[in-house]
PDB file of N, CA and C in Angstrom:
ATOM      1  N   MET A   1       0.740  -1.056  -0.093  1.00  0.00           N
ATOM      2  CA  MET A   1      -0.237   0.000  -0.209  1.00  0.00           C
ATOM      3  C   MET A   1       0.955   1.250   0.171  1.00  0.00           C
ATOM      4  N   SER A   2       0.762   2.221  -0.875  1.00  0.00           N
ATOM      5  CA  SER A   2       1.591   3.275  -1.222  1.00  0.00           C
ATOM      6  C   SER A   2       0.638   4.456  -0.196  1.00  0.00           C
ATOM      7  N   CYS A   3      -0.449   4.521  -0.234  1.00  0.00           N
ATOM      8  CA  CYS A   3      -1.608   5.500   0.614  1.00  0.00           C
ATOM      9  C   CYS A   3      -0.890   5.278   1.996  1.00  0.00           C
ATOM     10  N   GLU A   4      -0.650   6.986   2.377  1.00  0.00           N
ATOM     11  CA  GLU A   4      -0.404   7.244   3.840  1.00  0.00           C
ATOM     12  C   GLU A   4      -1.889   6.977   4.727  1.00  0.00           C
ATOM     13  N   HIS A   5      -2.860   7.521   4.061  1.00  0.00           N
ATOM     14  CA  HIS A   5      -4.065   7.539   4.476  1.00  0.00           C
ATOM     15  C   HIS A   5      -4.569   6.068   5.008  1.00  0.00           C
ATOM     16  N   LEU A   6      -4.534   5.134   3.983  1.00  0.00           N
ATOM     17  CA  LEU A   6      -5.121   3.795   4.397  1.00  0.00           C
ATOM     18  C   LEU A   6      -4.559   3.194   5.449  1.00  0.00           C
ATOM     19  N   THR A   7      -3.104   3.294   5.466  1.00  0.00           N
ATOM     20  CA  THR A   7      -2.163   2.892   6.344  1.00  0.00           C
ATOM     21  C   THR A   7      -2.067   3.451   7.774  1.00  0.00           C
ATOM     22  N   GLY A   8      -2.584   4.588   7.843  1.00  0.00           N
ATOM     23  CA  GLY A   8      -2.794   5.673   9.025  1.00  0.00           C
ATOM     24  C   GLY A   8      -4.077   5.730   9.391  1.00  0.00           C
ATOM     25  N   ALA A   9      -5.136   5.189   8.745  1.00  0.00           N
ATOM     26  CA  ALA A   9      -6.449   5.195   9.271  1.00  0.00           C
ATOM     27  C   ALA A   9      -6.778   4.397  10.507  1.00  0.00           C
ATOM     28  N   GLY A  10      -8.123   5.606  11.145  1.00  0.00           N
ATOM     29  CA  GLY A  10      -8.226   4.784  12.513  1.00  0.00           C
ATOM     30  C   GLY A  10      -9.009   3.539  12.551  1.00  0.00           C
ATOM     31  N   THR A  11      -9.718   3.116  13.701  1.00  0.00           N
ATOM     32  CA  THR A  11     -10.587   1.634  13.577  1.00  0.00           C
ATOM     33  C   THR A  11     -11.716   2.268  14.127  1.00  0.00           C
ATOM     34  N   ALA A  12     -12.357   3.849  13.936  1.00  0.00           N
ATOM     35  CA  ALA A  12     -13.504   3.847  14.679  1.00  0.00           C
ATOM     36  C   ALA A  12     -14.925   2.772  14.143  1.00  0.00           C
ATOM     37  N   PRO A  13     -15.222   2.108  15.373  1.00  0.00           N
ATOM     38  CA  PRO A  13     -16.616   0.949  14.707  1.00  0.00           C
ATOM     39  C   PRO A  13     -17.635   1.537  14.280  1.00  0.00           C
ATOM     40  N   PRO A  14     -18.382   0.948  13.258  1.00  0.00           N
ATOM     41  CA  PRO A  14     -19.663   1.615  12.549  1.00  0.00           C
ATOM     42  C   PRO A  14     -20.616   1.911  13.491  1.00  0.00           C
ATOM     43  N   GLU A  15     -21.158   3.170  13.402  1.00  0.00           N
ATOM     44  CA  GLU A  15     -22.166   3.785  14.179  1.00  0.00           C
ATOM     45  C   GLU A  15     -23.396   2.618  14.446  1.00  0.00           C
ATOM     46  N   VAL A  16     -23.586   2.142  13.465  1.00  0.00           N
ATOM     47  CA  VAL A  16     -24.631   1.034  13.414  1.00  0.00           C
ATOM     48  C   VAL A  16     -24.419   0.563  12.088  1.00  0.00           C
ATOM     49  N   THR A  17     -25.414  -1.242  11.696  1.00  0.00           N
ATOM     50  CA  THR A  17     -25.366  -2.055  10.954  1.00  0.00           C
ATOM     51  C   THR A  17     -26.142  -2.447  10.406  1.00  0.00           C
ATOM     52  N   GLY A  18     -26.829  -2.432   8.886  1.00  0.00           N
ATOM     53  CA  GLY A  18     -27.646  -2.991   8.600  1.00  0.00           C
ATOM     54  C   GLY A  18     -28.461  -2.097   8.008  1.00  0.00           C
ATOM     55  N   TYR A  19     -28.124  -0.804   8.005  1.00  0.00           N
ATOM     56  CA  TYR A  19     -29.164   0.418   7.000  1.00  0.00           C
ATOM     57  C   TYR A  19     -28.005   1.671   7.092  1.00  0.00           C
ATOM     58  N   CYS A  20     -28.747   2.243   6.361  1.00  0.00           N
ATOM     59  CA  CYS A  20     -27.848   4.053   5.821  1.00  0.00           C
ATOM     60  C   CYS A  20     -28.820   4.707   6.962  1.00  0.00           C
ATOM     61  N   PRO A  21     -28.320   5.603   8.196  1.00  0.00           N
ATOM     62  CA  PRO A  21     -28.804   6.521   9.007  1.00  0.00           C
ATOM     63  C   PRO A  21     -29.612   7.911   8.114  1.00  0.00           C
ATOM     64  N   GLN A  22     -29.017   7.992   7.036  1.00  0.00           N
ATOM     65  CA  GLN A  22     -29.325   9.006   6.439  1.00  0.00           C
ATOM     66  C   GLN A  22     -30.564   8.918   5.514  1.00  0.00           C
ATOM     67  N   CYS A  23     -30.503   7.599   4.826  1.00  0.00           N
ATOM     68  CA  CYS A  23     -31.374   7.066   3.940  1.00  0.00           C
ATOM     69  C   CYS A  23     -32.915   7.072   4.683  1.00  0.00           C
ATOM     70  N   ARG A  24     -32.446   6.361   6.143  1.00  0.00           N
ATOM     71  CA  ARG A  24     -33.882   6.247   6.494  1.00  0.00           C
ATOM     72  C   ARG A  24     -34.498   7.410   7.329  1.00  0.00           C
ATOM     73  N   ALA A  25     -33.505   8.702   7.346  1.00  0.00           N
ATOM     74  CA  ALA A  25     -34.091   9.809   8.055  1.00  0.00           C
ATOM     75  C   ALA A  25     -34.717  10.358   6.715  1.00  0.00           C
ATOM     76  N   MET A  26     -34.888  10.211   5.495  1.00  0.00           N
ATOM     77  CA  MET A  26     -35.478  10.732   4.285  1.00  0.00           C
ATOM     78  C   MET A  26     -36.460   9.683   4.017  1.00  0.00           C
ATOM     79  N   GLY A  27     -36.730   8.969   4.868  1.00  0.00           N
ATOM     80  CA  GLY A  27     -37.516   7.764   4.348  1.00  0.00           C
ATOM     81  C   GLY A  27     -37.297   6.855   3.114  1.00  0.00           C
ATOM     82  N   SER A  28     -36.140   6.703   3.015  1.00  0.00           N
ATOM     83  CA  SER A  28     -35.704   5.625   2.198  1.00  0.00           C
ATOM     84  C   SER A  28     -35.256   4.515   2.395  1.00  0.00           C
ATOM     85  N   GLU A  29     -35.216   3.287   1.320  1.00  0.00           N
ATOM     86  CA  GLU A  29     -34.907   2.303   1.812  1.00  0.00           C
ATOM     87  C   GLU A  29     -34.242   1.648   0.566  1.00  0.00           C
ATOM     88  N   ASP A  30     -33.669   2.541  -0.080  1.00  0.00           N
ATOM     89  CA  ASP A  30     -33.019   2.444  -1.594  1.00  0.00           C
ATOM     90  C   ASP A  30     -31.234   1.855  -1.336  1.00  0.00           C
ATOM     91  N   TRP A  31     -30.674   1.861  -0.332  1.00  0.00           N
ATOM     92  CA  TRP A  31     -29.223   1.699  -0.151  1.00  0.00           C
ATOM     93  C   TRP A  31     -28.811   0.086  -0.848  1.00  0.00           C
ATOM     94  N   VAL A  32     -27.675   0.160  -1.250  1.00  0.00           N
ATOM     95  CA  VAL A  32     -27.151  -0.903  -1.918  1.00  0.00           C
ATOM     96  C   VAL A  32     -25.687  -1.316  -0.865  1.00  0.00           C
ATOM     97  N   HIS A  33     -25.047  -0.941  -0.856  1.00  0.00           N
ATOM     98  CA  HIS A  33     -24.188  -1.135   0.197  1.00  0.00           C
ATOM     99  C   HIS A  33     -23.829  -0.352   1.172  1.00  0.00           C
ATOM    100  N   LEU A  34     -23.165  -0.618   2.493  1.00  0.00           N
ATOM    101  CA  LEU A  34     -22.759   0.255   3.332  1.00  0.00           C
ATOM    102  C   LEU A  34     -21.414   0.359   3.448  1.00  0.00           C
ATOM    103  N   ARG A  35     -21.172   1.595   3.932  1.00  0.00           N
ATOM    104  CA  ARG A  35     -19.559   2.109   3.955  1.00  0.00           C
ATOM    105  C   ARG A  35     -19.386   2.809   5.708  1.00  0.00           C
ATOM    106  N   SER A  36     -18.680   2.695   5.962  1.00  0.00           N
ATOM    107  CA  SER A  36     -18.162   3.176   7.208  1.00  0.00           C
ATOM    108  C   SER A  36     -17.076   4.301   7.363  1.00  0.00           C
ATOM    109  N   CYS A  37     -16.999   5.231   7.883  1.00  0.00           N
ATOM    110  CA  CYS A  37     -15.650   6.286   8.008  1.00  0.00           C
ATOM    111  C   CYS A  37     -14.732   6.084   9.019  1.00  0.00           C
ATOM    112  N   LEU A  38     -13.855   5.629   8.848  1.00  0.00           N
ATOM    113  CA  LEU A  38     -12.469   4.865   9.929  1.00  0.00           C
ATOM    114  C   LEU A  38     -12.233   6.032  10.585  1.00  0.00           C
ATOM    115  N   THR A  39     -12.711   7.388  10.690  1.00  0.00           N
ATOM    116  CA  THR A  39     -12.210   8.220  11.332  1.00  0.00           C
ATOM    117  C   THR A  39     -13.534   8.610  12.618  1.00  0.00           C
ATOM    118  N   CYS A  40     -14.730   8.517  12.097  1.00  0.00           N
ATOM    119  CA  CYS A  40     -15.795   9.081  13.248  1.00  0.00           C
ATOM    120  C   CYS A  40     -16.831   7.550  13.341  1.00  0.00           C
ATOM    121  N   GLY A  41     -16.717   6.552  12.224  1.00  0.00           N
ATOM    122  CA  GLY A  41     -18.070   5.552  12.221  1.00  0.00           C
ATOM    123  C   GLY A  41     -19.066   5.625  11.576  1.00  0.00           C
ATOM    124  N   GLN A  42     -18.996   7.187  11.096  1.00  0.00           N
ATOM    125  CA  GLN A  42     -20.549   6.977  10.261  1.00  0.00           C
ATOM    126  C   GLN A  42     -20.763   6.139   9.410  1.00  0.00           C
ATOM    127  N   VAL A  43     -21.793   5.859   9.179  1.00  0.00           N
ATOM    128  CA  VAL A  43     -22.393   4.609   8.381  1.00  0.00           C
ATOM    129  C   VAL A  43     -22.983   5.601   7.060  1.00  0.00           C
ATOM    130  N   GLY A  44     -22.925   5.245   6.177  1.00  0.00           N
ATOM    131  CA  GLY A  44     -23.413   5.711   4.711  1.00  0.00           C
ATOM    132  C   GLY A  44     -23.697   4.518   3.613  1.00  0.00           C
ATOM    133  N   CYS A  45     -24.162   5.156   2.777  1.00  0.00           N
ATOM    134  CA  CYS A  45     -24.393   4.228   1.663  1.00  0.00           C
ATOM    135  C   CYS A  45     -23.622   4.374   0.669  1.00  0.00           C
ATOM    136  N   CYS A  46     -23.414   3.466  -0.448  1.00  0.00           N
ATOM    137  CA  CYS A  46     -22.221   3.373  -1.384  1.00  0.00           C
ATOM    138  C   CYS A  46     -22.575   4.176  -2.644  1.00  0.00           C
ATOM    139  N   ASP A  47     -21.568   4.463  -3.199  1.00  0.00           N
ATOM    140  CA  ASP A  47     -21.485   5.242  -4.369  1.00  0.00           C
ATOM    141  C   ASP A  47     -22.886   4.637  -5.539  1.00  0.00           C
ATOM    142  N   SER A  48     -23.028   3.287  -5.587  1.00  0.00           N
ATOM    143  CA  SER A  48     -23.778   2.592  -6.288  1.00  0.00           C
ATOM    144  C   SER A  48     -25.282   2.939  -5.699  1.00  0.00           C
ATOM    145  N   SER A  49     -25.695   3.633  -4.511  1.00  0.00           N
ATOM    146  CA  SER A  49     -26.895   3.810  -3.851  1.00  0.00           C
ATOM    147  C   SER A  49     -27.149   5.027  -4.546  1.00  0.00           C
ATOM    148  N   PRO A  50     -28.673   5.376  -4.478  1.00  0.00           N
ATOM    149  CA  PRO A  50     -28.877   6.834  -5.034  1.00  0.00           C
ATOM    150  C   PRO A  50     -28.274   7.881  -4.656  1.00  0.00           C
ATOM    151  N   HIS A  51     -28.201   7.627  -2.990  1.00  0.00           N
ATOM    152  CA  HIS A  51     -27.717   9.116  -2.406  1.00  0.00           C
ATOM    153  C   HIS A  51     -26.828   9.150  -2.044  1.00  0.00           C
ATOM    154  N   GLN A  52     -25.651   8.119  -2.398  1.00  0.00           N
ATOM    155  CA  GLN A  52     -24.107   8.167  -2.191  1.00  0.00           C
ATOM    156  C   GLN A  52     -23.996   8.742  -1.056  1.00  0.00           C
ATOM    157  N   HIS A  53     -24.457   8.486   0.433  1.00  0.00           N
ATOM    158  CA  HIS A  53     -24.042   9.105   1.402  1.00  0.00           C
ATOM    159  C   HIS A  53     -22.585   8.914   1.679  1.00  0.00           C
ATOM    160  N   ALA A  54     -21.785   7.918   1.579  1.00  0.00           N
ATOM    161  CA  ALA A  54     -20.951   7.886   2.436  1.00  0.00           C
ATOM    162  C   ALA A  54     -19.721   8.653   1.594  1.00  0.00           C
ATOM    163  N   SER A  55     -19.767   9.236   0.422  1.00  0.00           N
ATOM    164  CA  SER A  55     -19.084   9.849  -0.485  1.00  0.00           C
ATOM    165  C   SER A  55     -19.620  11.408   0.022  1.00  0.00           C
ATOM    166  N   ALA A  56     -20.996  11.625   0.413  1.00  0.00           N
ATOM    167  CA  ALA A  56     -21.330  12.756   0.656  1.00  0.00           C
ATOM    168  C   ALA A  56     -20.606  13.174   2.168  1.00  0.00           C
ATOM    169  N   HIS A  57     -20.291  12.283   2.850  1.00  0.00           N
ATOM    170  CA  HIS A  57     -19.775  12.480   4.268  1.00  0.00           C
ATOM    171  C   HIS A  57     -18.446  13.073   4.080  1.00  0.00           C
ATOM    172  N   PHE A  58     -17.581  12.238   3.067  1.00  0.00           N
ATOM    173  CA  PHE A  58     -16.397  12.504   2.875  1.00  0.00           C
ATOM    174  C   PHE A  58     -16.299  14.252   2.082  1.00  0.00           C
ATOM    175  N   ALA A  59     -17.012  14.691   1.626  1.00  0.00           N
ATOM    176  CA  ALA A  59     -17.165  15.878   0.937  1.00  0.00           C
ATOM    177  C   ALA A  59     -17.417  17.076   1.910  1.00  0.00           C
ATOM    178  N   GLN A  60     -18.121  16.598   2.776  1.00  0.00           N
ATOM    179  CA  GLN A  60     -18.453  17.514   4.096  1.00  0.00           C
ATOM    180  C   GLN A  60     -17.131  17.084   5.126  1.00  0.00           C
ATOM    181  N   THR A  61     -16.837  16.213   5.344  1.00  0.00           N
ATOM    182  CA  THR A  61     -16.041  16.323   6.684  1.00  0.00           C
ATOM    183  C   THR A  61     -14.544  16.207   6.036  1.00  0.00           C
ATOM    184  N   GLY A  62     -14.124  15.891   4.848  1.00  0.00           N
ATOM    185  CA  GLY A  62     -12.667  15.574   4.755  1.00  0.00           C
ATOM    186  C   GLY A  62     -12.392  14.079   4.960  1.00  0.00           C
ATOM    187  N   HIS A  63     -12.763  13.483   5.804  1.00  0.00           N
ATOM    188  CA  HIS A  63     -12.256  11.953   6.656  1.00  0.00           C
ATOM    189  C   HIS A  63     -12.204  11.064   5.357  1.00  0.00           C
ATOM    190  N   PRO A  64     -10.966  10.855   5.112  1.00  0.00           N
ATOM    191  CA  PRO A  64     -10.460  10.210   3.663  1.00  0.00           C
ATOM    192  C   PRO A  64     -10.808   8.955   3.651  1.00  0.00           C
ATOM    193  N   VAL A  65     -10.815   7.913   4.729  1.00  0.00           N
ATOM    194  CA  VAL A  65     -11.103   6.571   4.581  1.00  0.00           C
ATOM    195  C   VAL A  65     -12.557   5.718   5.215  1.00  0.00           C
ATOM    196  N   ILE A  66     -12.788   5.232   4.196  1.00  0.00           N
ATOM    197  CA  ILE A  66     -13.838   4.186   4.436  1.00  0.00           C
ATOM    198  C   ILE A  66     -13.967   2.964   4.699  1.00  0.00           C
ATOM    199  N   ARG A  67     -14.562   1.984   5.108  1.00  0.00           N
ATOM    200  CA  ARG A  67     -14.037   0.567   4.661  1.00  0.00           C
ATOM    201  C   ARG A  67     -15.570   0.128   4.808  1.00  0.00           C
ATOM    202  N   SER A  68     -15.518  -1.183   4.119  1.00  0.00           N
ATOM    203  CA  SER A  68     -16.709  -1.681   3.866  1.00  0.00           C
ATOM    204  C   SER A  68     -17.383  -2.386   5.197  1.00  0.00           C
ATOM    205  N   VAL A  69     -18.618  -2.369   5.172  1.00  0.00           N
ATOM    206  CA  VAL A  69     -19.158  -3.000   6.224  1.00  0.00           C
ATOM    207  C   VAL A  69     -20.656  -4.427   6.060  1.00  0.00           C
ATOM    208  N   GLN A  70     -20.067  -4.392   4.986  1.00  0.00           N
ATOM    209  CA  GLN A  70     -20.837  -5.739   4.277  1.00  0.00           C
ATOM    210  C   GLN A  70     -20.036  -7.094   4.614  1.00  0.00           C
ATOM    211  N   PRO A  71     -20.968  -7.846   5.271  1.00  0.00           N
ATOM    212  CA  PRO A  71     -20.746  -9.438   5.765  1.00  0.00           C
ATOM    213  C   PRO A  71     -19.522  -9.987   4.696  1.00  0.00           C
ATOM    214  N   GLY A  72     -18.530 -10.423   5.225  1.00  0.00           N
ATOM    215  CA  GLY A  72     -17.342 -10.912   4.561  1.00  0.00           C
ATOM    216  C   GLY A  72     -16.455 -10.247   3.818  1.00  0.00           C
ATOM    217  N   GLU A  73     -16.696  -8.770   3.677  1.00  0.00           N
ATOM    218  CA  GLU A  73     -15.546  -7.702   3.337  1.00  0.00           C
ATOM    219  C   GLU A  73     -14.896  -6.992   4.125  1.00  0.00           C
ATOM    220  N   SER A  74     -13.838  -7.204   3.860  1.00  0.00           N
ATOM    221  CA  SER A  74     -12.976  -6.271   4.591  1.00  0.00           C
ATOM    222  C   SER A  74     -11.882  -4.795   4.097  1.00  0.00           C
ATOM    223  N   TRP A  75     -12.218  -4.736   2.710  1.00  0.00           N
ATOM    224  CA  TRP A  75     -11.627  -3.841   2.091  1.00  0.00           C
ATOM    225  C   TRP A  75     -11.537  -2.025   2.823  1.00  0.00           C
ATOM    226  N   ARG A  76     -10.826  -1.397   2.357  1.00  0.00           N
ATOM    227  CA  ARG A  76     -10.728   0.069   3.014  1.00  0.00           C
ATOM    228  C   ARG A  76     -10.448   0.822   1.451  1.00  0.00           C
ATOM    229  N   TRP A  77     -11.153   2.056   1.461  1.00  0.00           N
ATOM    230  CA  TRP A  77     -11.143   3.099   0.010  1.00  0.00           C
ATOM    231  C   TRP A  77     -10.706   4.155   0.671  1.00  0.00           C
ATOM    232  N   CYS A  78      -9.350   4.821   0.079  1.00  0.00           N
ATOM    233  CA  CYS A  78      -9.327   6.558  -0.231  1.00  0.00           C
ATOM    234  C   CYS A  78      -9.755   6.938  -0.745  1.00  0.00           C
ATOM    235  N   TYR A  79     -10.613   8.028  -0.239  1.00  0.00           N
ATOM    236  CA  TYR A  79     -11.358   8.903  -1.476  1.00  0.00           C
ATOM    237  C   TYR A  79     -10.133   9.885  -2.034  1.00  0.00           C
ATOM    238  N   LEU A  80      -9.047  10.382  -1.111  1.00  0.00           N
ATOM    239  CA  LEU A  80      -8.289  10.952  -1.681  1.00  0.00           C
ATOM    240  C   LEU A  80      -7.041  10.841  -2.574  1.00  0.00           C
ATOM    241  N   ASP A  81      -6.586   9.490  -2.338  1.00  0.00           N
ATOM    242  CA  ASP A  81      -5.791   8.853  -3.324  1.00  0.00           C
ATOM    243  C   ASP A  81      -6.281   7.968  -4.393  1.00  0.00           C
ATOM    244  N   GLU A  82      -7.504   7.737  -4.364  1.00  0.00           N
ATOM    245  CA  GLU A  82      -8.619   6.813  -4.822  1.00  0.00           C
ATOM    246  C   GLU A  82      -7.784   5.537  -5.041  1.00  0.00           C
ATOM    247  N   GLU A  83      -7.604   5.061  -3.798  1.00  0.00           N
ATOM    248  CA  GLU A  83      -6.423   3.879  -3.752  1.00  0.00           C
ATOM    249  C   GLU A  83      -7.458   2.511  -2.763  1.00  0.00           C
ATOM    250  N   ILE A  84      -7.404   1.533  -2.927  1.00  0.00           N
ATOM    251  CA  ILE A  84      -8.112   0.317  -2.225  1.00  0.00           C
ATOM    252  C   ILE A  84      -7.214  -0.480  -1.489  1.00  0.00           C
ATOM    253  N   GLY A  85      -7.289  -0.691  -0.043  1.00  0.00           N
ATOM    254  CA  GLY A  85      -6.571  -1.503   0.643  1.00  0.00           C
ATOM    255  C   GLY A  85      -6.989  -2.551   1.247  1.00  0.00           C
TER     256      GLY A  85
END
């Protein structure tokens, strides 16, 4: 891994599992997959979802690394360097 954000990412546990809180708050159940911010633990839906809340969280906060919270997946993604780890 060449990305310093991936190697130095935190380990904040996801706030919730099983749903996107922002989608639920707006009355939507349309998320595809869930991602968790490794800086603060906020969970949001992926870019394949209509509302793309994980990417919106990055745009608002600058927290660079997310991880998949899908069962059986353990990858991480750095928005800044567009690198997976």
